[in-house]
Amino acid sequence: MRQILLDTETTGLDWRKGNRVVEIGCVELIKRRPTGNNFHVYLKPDVDFEEGAAEVTGLSLEFLADKPVFAEVVDDFLAYVDGAELIIHNASFDMGFLENELSLAGRPRLADRVTVTDTLLMARQKYPGQRNSLDALCKRLGVDNAHRTLHGALLDAQILADVYIGLTSGQEEIGFAEPQAQGDGSIELVVQDLSALPPRPSVQVPAEDLAAHELRLAALRKKAGHALWDGPVPEAVAES
């Protein structure tokens, strides 16, 4: 089965309050390896962002003004995900928004066309009582997310691919196979040749995400004199 890591960005936290999807990012895995057949689109929401939402995503209504509305991309989106296993972190959030978009576009439910795996529920079962945000899982599983200074749907889907592989990896994936019995009754441990494995998923940050990040940092520096990502706060700023 095709597996698709999916993430959305939205104008707020609740679709019931009229919030809409502004970005969809999908990464395809076949046999747990990335194919490069990804899906990414920005969407014009025709509603304003809730307070704080634009800052989290780095998106603006001005940037989204010339982007398509969901109804214009719905056929491409459904064709891409049809029959796949969607892997989503906190799936109820993204699925709620996507089902609302499909309903507004007069289309059948997404849940009838795909299966859904929630990596947040997986992480809670594996690490009960611990923080299981995407950032926390990156730290715990050794996934590099240093470039994740803003939320972006495609970037988060690419990071989630690494997190999902880490959550579900067995010993065979890190170079060990099942012990094999020999003719004389002894056991030989067969070690897998790691050099023959395809490369792990890698994160490629789109140029527009990097540009949006730099614009956001410039705005923070102008307002506060310093941005967190610049390093320690200068004494002059800290004392002001």
C-alpha atoms as a PDB file:
ATOM      1  CA  MET A   1       0.000   0.000   0.000  1.00  0.00           C
ATOM      2  CA  ARG A   2       1.127   3.525  -0.734  1.00  0.00           C
ATOM      3  CA  GLN A   3       1.832   5.524   2.398  1.00  0.00           C
ATOM      4  CA  ILE A   4       1.435   9.290   2.359  1.00  0.00           C
ATOM      5  CA  LEU A   5       2.723  11.531   5.127  1.00  0.00           C
ATOM      6  CA  LEU A   6       0.320  14.471   5.248  1.00  0.00           C
ATOM      7  CA  ASP A   7       0.218  17.831   6.988  1.00  0.00           C
ATOM      8  CA  THR A   8      -1.910  20.943   6.659  1.00  0.00           C
ATOM      9  CA  GLU A   9      -1.609  24.569   7.700  1.00  0.00           C
ATOM     10  CA  THR A  10      -4.775  26.473   8.547  1.00  0.00           C
ATOM     11  CA  THR A  11      -6.090  29.942   9.408  1.00  0.00           C
ATOM     12  CA  GLY A  12      -6.900  28.825  12.959  1.00  0.00           C
ATOM     13  CA  LEU A  13      -7.437  25.896  15.270  1.00  0.00           C
ATOM     14  CA  ASP A  14     -11.092  24.971  14.628  1.00  0.00           C
ATOM     15  CA  TRP A  15     -12.817  24.452  11.286  1.00  0.00           C
ATOM     16  CA  ARG A  16     -16.179  24.763  13.073  1.00  0.00           C
ATOM     17  CA  LYS A  17     -15.388  28.458  13.583  1.00  0.00           C
ATOM     18  CA  GLY A  18     -14.966  29.007   9.864  1.00  0.00           C
ATOM     19  CA  ASN A  19     -11.211  28.455   9.682  1.00  0.00           C
ATOM     20  CA  ARG A  20      -9.847  27.076   6.419  1.00  0.00           C
ATOM     21  CA  VAL A  21      -6.883  25.150   5.030  1.00  0.00           C
ATOM     22  CA  VAL A  22      -4.138  27.339   3.525  1.00  0.00           C
ATOM     23  CA  GLU A  23      -1.503  24.708   2.729  1.00  0.00           C
ATOM     24  CA  ILE A  24      -1.386  20.950   2.101  1.00  0.00           C
ATOM     25  CA  GLY A  25       1.874  19.016   2.009  1.00  0.00           C
ATOM     26  CA  CYS A  26       2.199  15.300   1.221  1.00  0.00           C
ATOM     27  CA  VAL A  27       5.202  12.960   0.957  1.00  0.00           C
ATOM     28  CA  GLU A  28       4.783   9.543  -0.675  1.00  0.00           C
ATOM     29  CA  LEU A  29       6.503   6.399   0.595  1.00  0.00           C
ATOM     30  CA  ILE A  30       6.593   3.102  -1.270  1.00  0.00           C
ATOM     31  CA  LYS A  31       7.986   0.195   0.748  1.00  0.00           C
ATOM     32  CA  ARG A  32       8.852   2.778   3.423  1.00  0.00           C
ATOM     33  CA  ARG A  33      11.111   4.711   1.058  1.00  0.00           C
ATOM     34  CA  PRO A  34      10.442   8.203  -0.364  1.00  0.00           C
ATOM     35  CA  THR A  35       9.601   8.261  -4.061  1.00  0.00           C
ATOM     36  CA  GLY A  36       9.836  11.993  -4.685  1.00  0.00           C
ATOM     37  CA  ASN A  37       6.207  11.954  -5.844  1.00  0.00           C
ATOM     38  CA  ASN A  38       5.074  14.635  -3.406  1.00  0.00           C
ATOM     39  CA  PHE A  39       2.018  16.884  -3.403  1.00  0.00           C
ATOM     40  CA  HIS A  40       2.188  20.497  -2.241  1.00  0.00           C
ATOM     41  CA  VAL A  41      -0.192  23.396  -2.684  1.00  0.00           C
ATOM     42  CA  TYR A  42      -0.944  26.767  -1.100  1.00  0.00           C
ATOM     43  CA  LEU A  43      -4.615  27.743  -0.949  1.00  0.00           C
ATOM     44  CA  LYS A  44      -6.497  31.027  -0.824  1.00  0.00           C
ATOM     45  CA  PRO A  45      -8.786  30.748   2.224  1.00  0.00           C
ATOM     46  CA  ASP A  46     -11.136  33.717   1.643  1.00  0.00           C
ATOM     47  CA  VAL A  47     -11.182  34.219   5.442  1.00  0.00           C
ATOM     48  CA  ASP A  48      -8.754  36.011   7.727  1.00  0.00           C
ATOM     49  CA  PHE A  49      -6.227  34.326   9.992  1.00  0.00           C
ATOM     50  CA  GLU A  50      -6.996  33.995  13.671  1.00  0.00           C
ATOM     51  CA  GLU A  51      -4.687  35.942  15.944  1.00  0.00           C
ATOM     52  CA  GLY A  52      -1.260  34.303  16.010  1.00  0.00           C
ATOM     53  CA  ALA A  53      -1.949  31.786  13.211  1.00  0.00           C
ATOM     54  CA  ALA A  54      -0.178  33.751  10.483  1.00  0.00           C
ATOM     55  CA  GLU A  55       2.899  34.139  12.671  1.00  0.00           C
ATOM     56  CA  VAL A  56       3.095  30.372  13.223  1.00  0.00           C
ATOM     57  CA  THR A  57       2.979  29.569   9.511  1.00  0.00           C
ATOM     58  CA  GLY A  58       4.762  32.629   8.121  1.00  0.00           C
ATOM     59  CA  LEU A  59       1.945  32.941   5.564  1.00  0.00           C
ATOM     60  CA  SER A  60      -0.204  35.985   4.854  1.00  0.00           C
ATOM     61  CA  LEU A  61      -3.390  36.784   2.965  1.00  0.00           C
ATOM     62  CA  GLU A  62      -1.281  38.871   0.578  1.00  0.00           C
ATOM     63  CA  PHE A  63       0.911  35.865  -0.262  1.00  0.00           C
ATOM     64  CA  LEU A  64      -2.142  33.603  -0.686  1.00  0.00           C
ATOM     65  CA  ALA A  65      -4.197  36.089  -2.726  1.00  0.00           C
ATOM     66  CA  ASP A  66      -3.256  34.596  -6.116  1.00  0.00           C
ATOM     67  CA  LYS A  67      -3.313  30.951  -4.995  1.00  0.00           C
ATOM     68  CA  PRO A  68      -6.129  28.545  -5.982  1.00  0.00           C
ATOM     69  CA  VAL A  69      -9.094  27.849  -3.723  1.00  0.00           C
ATOM     70  CA  PHE A  70      -9.559  24.272  -2.524  1.00  0.00           C
ATOM     71  CA  ALA A  71     -12.314  23.534  -5.055  1.00  0.00           C
ATOM     72  CA  GLU A  72      -9.828  24.168  -7.864  1.00  0.00           C
ATOM     73  CA  VAL A  73      -7.340  21.532  -6.653  1.00  0.00           C
ATOM     74  CA  VAL A  74      -9.716  19.003  -5.086  1.00  0.00           C
ATOM     75  CA  ASP A  75      -9.629  16.593  -8.050  1.00  0.00           C
ATOM     76  CA  ASP A  76      -5.822  16.523  -8.119  1.00  0.00           C
ATOM     77  CA  PHE A  77      -5.692  16.041  -4.349  1.00  0.00           C
ATOM     78  CA  LEU A  78      -8.209  13.181  -4.328  1.00  0.00           C
ATOM     79  CA  ALA A  79      -6.495  11.445  -7.222  1.00  0.00           C
ATOM     80  CA  TYR A  80      -3.177  11.684  -5.383  1.00  0.00           C
ATOM     81  CA  VAL A  81      -4.364  10.248  -2.046  1.00  0.00           C
ATOM     82  CA  ASP A  82      -6.964   7.775  -3.335  1.00  0.00           C
ATOM     83  CA  GLY A  83      -6.512   4.325  -1.772  1.00  0.00           C
ATOM     84  CA  ALA A  84      -3.443   5.301   0.255  1.00  0.00           C
ATOM     85  CA  GLU A  85      -2.649   5.041   3.944  1.00  0.00           C
ATOM     86  CA  LEU A  86      -2.463   8.606   5.252  1.00  0.00           C
ATOM     87  CA  ILE A  87       0.032   9.018   8.091  1.00  0.00           C
ATOM     88  CA  ILE A  88      -0.702  12.182  10.061  1.00  0.00           C
ATOM     89  CA  HIS A  89       0.473  13.597  13.378  1.00  0.00           C
ATOM     90  CA  ASN A  90      -2.661  14.446  15.374  1.00  0.00           C
ATOM     91  CA  ALA A  91      -4.841  13.122  12.573  1.00  0.00           C
ATOM     92  CA  SER A  92      -8.165  14.322  13.994  1.00  0.00           C
ATOM     93  CA  PHE A  93      -7.060  17.940  13.447  1.00  0.00           C
ATOM     94  CA  ASP A  94      -6.028  17.617   9.804  1.00  0.00           C
ATOM     95  CA  MET A  95      -8.812  15.197   8.888  1.00  0.00           C
ATOM     96  CA  GLY A  96     -11.411  17.507  10.429  1.00  0.00           C
ATOM     97  CA  PHE A  97     -10.226  20.389   8.263  1.00  0.00           C
ATOM     98  CA  LEU A  98      -9.938  18.291   5.108  1.00  0.00           C
ATOM     99  CA  GLU A  99     -13.361  16.718   5.559  1.00  0.00           C
ATOM    100  CA  ASN A 100     -14.796  20.225   5.990  1.00  0.00           C
ATOM    101  CA  GLU A 101     -13.098  21.423   2.797  1.00  0.00           C
ATOM    102  CA  LEU A 102     -14.458  18.419   0.899  1.00  0.00           C
ATOM    103  CA  SER A 103     -17.942  19.030   2.272  1.00  0.00           C
ATOM    104  CA  LEU A 104     -17.826  22.683   1.196  1.00  0.00           C
ATOM    105  CA  ALA A 105     -16.718  21.521  -2.258  1.00  0.00           C
ATOM    106  CA  GLY A 106     -19.612  19.036  -2.420  1.00  0.00           C
ATOM    107  CA  ARG A 107     -17.385  15.955  -2.389  1.00  0.00           C
ATOM    108  CA  PRO A 108     -17.686  12.631  -0.479  1.00  0.00           C
ATOM    109  CA  ARG A 109     -15.783  11.996   2.746  1.00  0.00           C
ATOM    110  CA  LEU A 110     -12.046  11.469   2.572  1.00  0.00           C
ATOM    111  CA  ALA A 111     -12.241   8.730   5.230  1.00  0.00           C
ATOM    112  CA  ASP A 112     -14.124   6.561   2.720  1.00  0.00           C
ATOM    113  CA  ARG A 113     -11.217   6.677   0.247  1.00  0.00           C
ATOM    114  CA  VAL A 114      -8.174   6.210   2.524  1.00  0.00           C
ATOM    115  CA  THR A 115      -6.996   4.629   5.749  1.00  0.00           C
ATOM    116  CA  VAL A 116      -5.512   6.856   8.444  1.00  0.00           C
ATOM    117  CA  THR A 117      -2.657   6.241  10.892  1.00  0.00           C
ATOM    118  CA  ASP A 118      -2.133   8.779  13.680  1.00  0.00           C
ATOM    119  CA  THR A 119       1.515   9.039  14.739  1.00  0.00           C
ATOM    120  CA  LEU A 120       0.513  11.033  17.825  1.00  0.00           C
ATOM    121  CA  LEU A 121      -1.487   8.046  19.106  1.00  0.00           C
ATOM    122  CA  MET A 122       1.396   5.733  18.177  1.00  0.00           C
ATOM    123  CA  ALA A 123       3.833   7.913  20.116  1.00  0.00           C
ATOM    124  CA  ARG A 124       1.565   8.098  23.166  1.00  0.00           C
ATOM    125  CA  GLN A 125       1.421   4.307  23.268  1.00  0.00           C
ATOM    126  CA  LYS A 126       5.188   3.970  22.848  1.00  0.00           C
ATOM    127  CA  TYR A 127       6.149   6.855  25.159  1.00  0.00           C
ATOM    128  CA  PRO A 128       3.323   7.188  27.728  1.00  0.00           C
ATOM    129  CA  GLY A 129       3.481  10.241  29.947  1.00  0.00           C
ATOM    130  CA  GLN A 130       6.062  12.005  27.768  1.00  0.00           C
ATOM    131  CA  ARG A 131       5.795  14.967  25.404  1.00  0.00           C
ATOM    132  CA  ASN A 132       4.979  13.662  21.955  1.00  0.00           C
ATOM    133  CA  SER A 133       4.871  16.757  19.786  1.00  0.00           C
ATOM    134  CA  LEU A 134       6.633  16.507  16.446  1.00  0.00           C
ATOM    135  CA  ASP A 135       9.559  18.533  17.804  1.00  0.00           C
ATOM    136  CA  ALA A 136       9.807  16.332  20.920  1.00  0.00           C
ATOM    137  CA  LEU A 137       9.804  13.174  18.798  1.00  0.00           C
ATOM    138  CA  CYS A 138      12.500  14.592  16.540  1.00  0.00           C
ATOM    139  CA  LYS A 139      14.719  15.113  19.570  1.00  0.00           C
ATOM    140  CA  ARG A 140      13.936  11.671  21.003  1.00  0.00           C
ATOM    141  CA  LEU A 141      14.459   9.808  17.715  1.00  0.00           C
ATOM    142  CA  GLY A 142      17.471  11.785  16.497  1.00  0.00           C
ATOM    143  CA  VAL A 143      15.681  13.459  13.573  1.00  0.00           C
ATOM    144  CA  ASP A 144      17.290  16.735  12.500  1.00  0.00           C
ATOM    145  CA  ASN A 145      14.686  19.510  12.560  1.00  0.00           C
ATOM    146  CA  ALA A 146      16.972  22.488  13.163  1.00  0.00           C
ATOM    147  CA  HIS A 147      15.561  24.159  10.055  1.00  0.00           C
ATOM    148  CA  ARG A 148      11.970  23.927  11.372  1.00  0.00           C
ATOM    149  CA  THR A 149      11.624  27.504  12.633  1.00  0.00           C
ATOM    150  CA  LEU A 150       8.217  28.003  11.028  1.00  0.00           C
ATOM    151  CA  HIS A 151       5.408  25.539  10.441  1.00  0.00           C
ATOM    152  CA  GLY A 152       5.169  24.503   6.788  1.00  0.00           C
ATOM    153  CA  ALA A 153       3.001  21.643   5.539  1.00  0.00           C
ATOM    154  CA  LEU A 154       5.486  20.045   3.138  1.00  0.00           C
ATOM    155  CA  LEU A 155       8.428  20.552   5.491  1.00  0.00           C
ATOM    156  CA  ASP A 156       6.496  19.016   8.390  1.00  0.00           C
ATOM    157  CA  ALA A 157       5.392  16.084   6.206  1.00  0.00           C
ATOM    158  CA  GLN A 158       9.035  15.448   5.255  1.00  0.00           C
ATOM    159  CA  ILE A 159      10.107  15.566   8.900  1.00  0.00           C
ATOM    160  CA  LEU A 160       7.191  13.304   9.841  1.00  0.00           C
ATOM    161  CA  ALA A 161       8.480  10.738   7.328  1.00  0.00           C
ATOM    162  CA  ASP A 162      11.704  10.452   9.340  1.00  0.00           C
ATOM    163  CA  VAL A 163       9.784  10.375  12.622  1.00  0.00           C
ATOM    164  CA  TYR A 164       7.425   7.652  11.366  1.00  0.00           C
ATOM    165  CA  ILE A 165      10.343   5.488  10.204  1.00  0.00           C
ATOM    166  CA  GLY A 166      11.931   5.959  13.626  1.00  0.00           C
ATOM    167  CA  LEU A 167       8.716   5.068  15.461  1.00  0.00           C
ATOM    168  CA  THR A 168       8.177   1.891  13.451  1.00  0.00           C
ATOM    169  CA  SER A 169      11.720   0.681  12.776  1.00  0.00           C
ATOM    170  CA  GLY A 170      12.726  -2.820  13.885  1.00  0.00           C
ATOM    171  CA  GLN A 171      16.187  -4.279  14.164  1.00  0.00           C
ATOM    172  CA  GLU A 172      16.147  -5.363  10.540  1.00  0.00           C
ATOM    173  CA  GLU A 173      16.067  -1.694   9.494  1.00  0.00           C
ATOM    174  CA  ILE A 174      19.266  -0.863  11.351  1.00  0.00           C
ATOM    175  CA  GLY A 175      21.273  -3.732   9.935  1.00  0.00           C
ATOM    176  CA  PHE A 176      20.249  -6.978  11.635  1.00  0.00           C
ATOM    177  CA  ALA A 177      18.325  -9.943  10.287  1.00  0.00           C
ATOM    178  CA  GLU A 178      16.709 -12.892  11.998  1.00  0.00           C
ATOM    179  CA  PRO A 179      19.136 -15.514  13.347  1.00  0.00           C
ATOM    180  CA  GLN A 180      19.427 -18.405  10.906  1.00  0.00           C
ATOM    181  CA  ALA A 181      19.824 -22.020  11.990  1.00  0.00           C
ATOM    182  CA  GLN A 182      22.744 -23.907  10.459  1.00  0.00           C
ATOM    183  CA  GLY A 183      22.887 -27.569   9.481  1.00  0.00           C
ATOM    184  CA  ASP A 184      24.941 -28.478  12.543  1.00  0.00           C
ATOM    185  CA  GLY A 185      22.370 -26.905  14.866  1.00  0.00           C
ATOM    186  CA  SER A 186      24.388 -23.743  15.513  1.00  0.00           C
ATOM    187  CA  ILE A 187      22.954 -20.268  15.045  1.00  0.00           C
ATOM    188  CA  GLU A 188      24.470 -17.692  12.704  1.00  0.00           C
ATOM    189  CA  LEU A 189      23.470 -14.024  12.996  1.00  0.00           C
ATOM    190  CA  VAL A 190      23.275 -12.570   9.508  1.00  0.00           C
ATOM    191  CA  VAL A 191      24.111  -8.851   9.323  1.00  0.00           C
ATOM    192  CA  GLN A 192      22.451  -6.877   6.559  1.00  0.00           C
ATOM    193  CA  ASP A 193      24.643  -4.887   4.139  1.00  0.00           C
ATOM    194  CA  LEU A 194      23.665  -1.304   4.913  1.00  0.00           C
ATOM    195  CA  SER A 195      25.380   0.020   1.794  1.00  0.00           C
ATOM    196  CA  ALA A 196      22.771  -1.752  -0.325  1.00  0.00           C
ATOM    197  CA  LEU A 197      19.848   0.060   1.293  1.00  0.00           C
ATOM    198  CA  PRO A 198      18.200   3.005  -0.464  1.00  0.00           C
ATOM    199  CA  PRO A 199      18.796   6.381   1.219  1.00  0.00           C
ATOM    200  CA  ARG A 200      16.680   7.472   4.180  1.00  0.00           C
ATOM    201  CA  PRO A 201      14.113  10.230   3.663  1.00  0.00           C
ATOM    202  CA  SER A 202      15.822  13.620   3.447  1.00  0.00           C
ATOM    203  CA  VAL A 203      14.291  17.038   4.012  1.00  0.00           C
ATOM    204  CA  GLN A 204      14.515  19.606   1.236  1.00  0.00           C
ATOM    205  CA  VAL A 205      13.314  23.046   2.324  1.00  0.00           C
ATOM    206  CA  PRO A 206      11.456  24.897  -0.466  1.00  0.00           C
ATOM    207  CA  ALA A 207      12.899  28.294  -1.408  1.00  0.00           C
ATOM    208  CA  GLU A 208       9.613  30.018  -0.597  1.00  0.00           C
ATOM    209  CA  ASP A 209       9.700  28.607   2.950  1.00  0.00           C
ATOM    210  CA  LEU A 210      13.230  29.916   3.457  1.00  0.00           C
ATOM    211  CA  ALA A 211      12.198  33.335   2.111  1.00  0.00           C
ATOM    212  CA  ALA A 212       9.168  33.454   4.408  1.00  0.00           C
ATOM    213  CA  HIS A 213      11.399  32.525   7.339  1.00  0.00           C
ATOM    214  CA  GLU A 214      13.843  35.344   6.603  1.00  0.00           C
ATOM    215  CA  LEU A 215      10.995  37.859   6.294  1.00  0.00           C
ATOM    216  CA  ARG A 216       9.636  36.750   9.658  1.00  0.00           C
ATOM    217  CA  LEU A 217      13.046  37.076  11.323  1.00  0.00           C
ATOM    218  CA  ALA A 218      13.452  40.564   9.880  1.00  0.00           C
ATOM    219  CA  ALA A 219      10.078  41.557  11.335  1.00  0.00           C
ATOM    220  CA  LEU A 220      11.021  40.173  14.753  1.00  0.00           C
ATOM    221  CA  ARG A 221      14.339  42.015  14.746  1.00  0.00           C
ATOM    222  CA  LYS A 222      12.621  45.267  13.808  1.00  0.00           C
ATOM    223  CA  LYS A 223      10.055  44.891  16.577  1.00  0.00           C
ATOM    224  CA  ALA A 224      12.163  43.424  19.383  1.00  0.00           C
ATOM    225  CA  GLY A 225      15.722  44.166  18.365  1.00  0.00           C
ATOM    226  CA  HIS A 226      16.558  40.464  18.367  1.00  0.00           C
ATOM    227  CA  ALA A 227      15.209  37.114  17.133  1.00  0.00           C
ATOM    228  CA  LEU A 228      15.467  33.889  19.130  1.00  0.00           C
ATOM    229  CA  TRP A 229      17.190  32.113  16.240  1.00  0.00           C
ATOM    230  CA  ASP A 230      20.049  34.662  16.280  1.00  0.00           C
ATOM    231  CA  GLY A 231      21.460  33.108  19.471  1.00  0.00           C
ATOM    232  CA  PRO A 232      21.853  34.591  22.973  1.00  0.00           C
ATOM    233  CA  VAL A 233      20.058  37.875  23.582  1.00  0.00           C
ATOM    234  CA  PRO A 234      22.501  40.815  23.498  1.00  0.00           C
ATOM    235  CA  GLU A 235      22.888  42.606  26.839  1.00  0.00           C
ATOM    236  CA  ALA A 236      21.542  45.841  25.434  1.00  0.00           C
ATOM    237  CA  VAL A 237      18.351  44.148  24.290  1.00  0.00           C
ATOM    238  CA  ALA A 238      17.976  42.019  27.447  1.00  0.00           C
ATOM    239  CA  GLU A 239      18.210  45.075  29.677  1.00  0.00           C
ATOM    240  CA  SER A 240      15.795  47.219  27.661  1.00  0.00           C
END
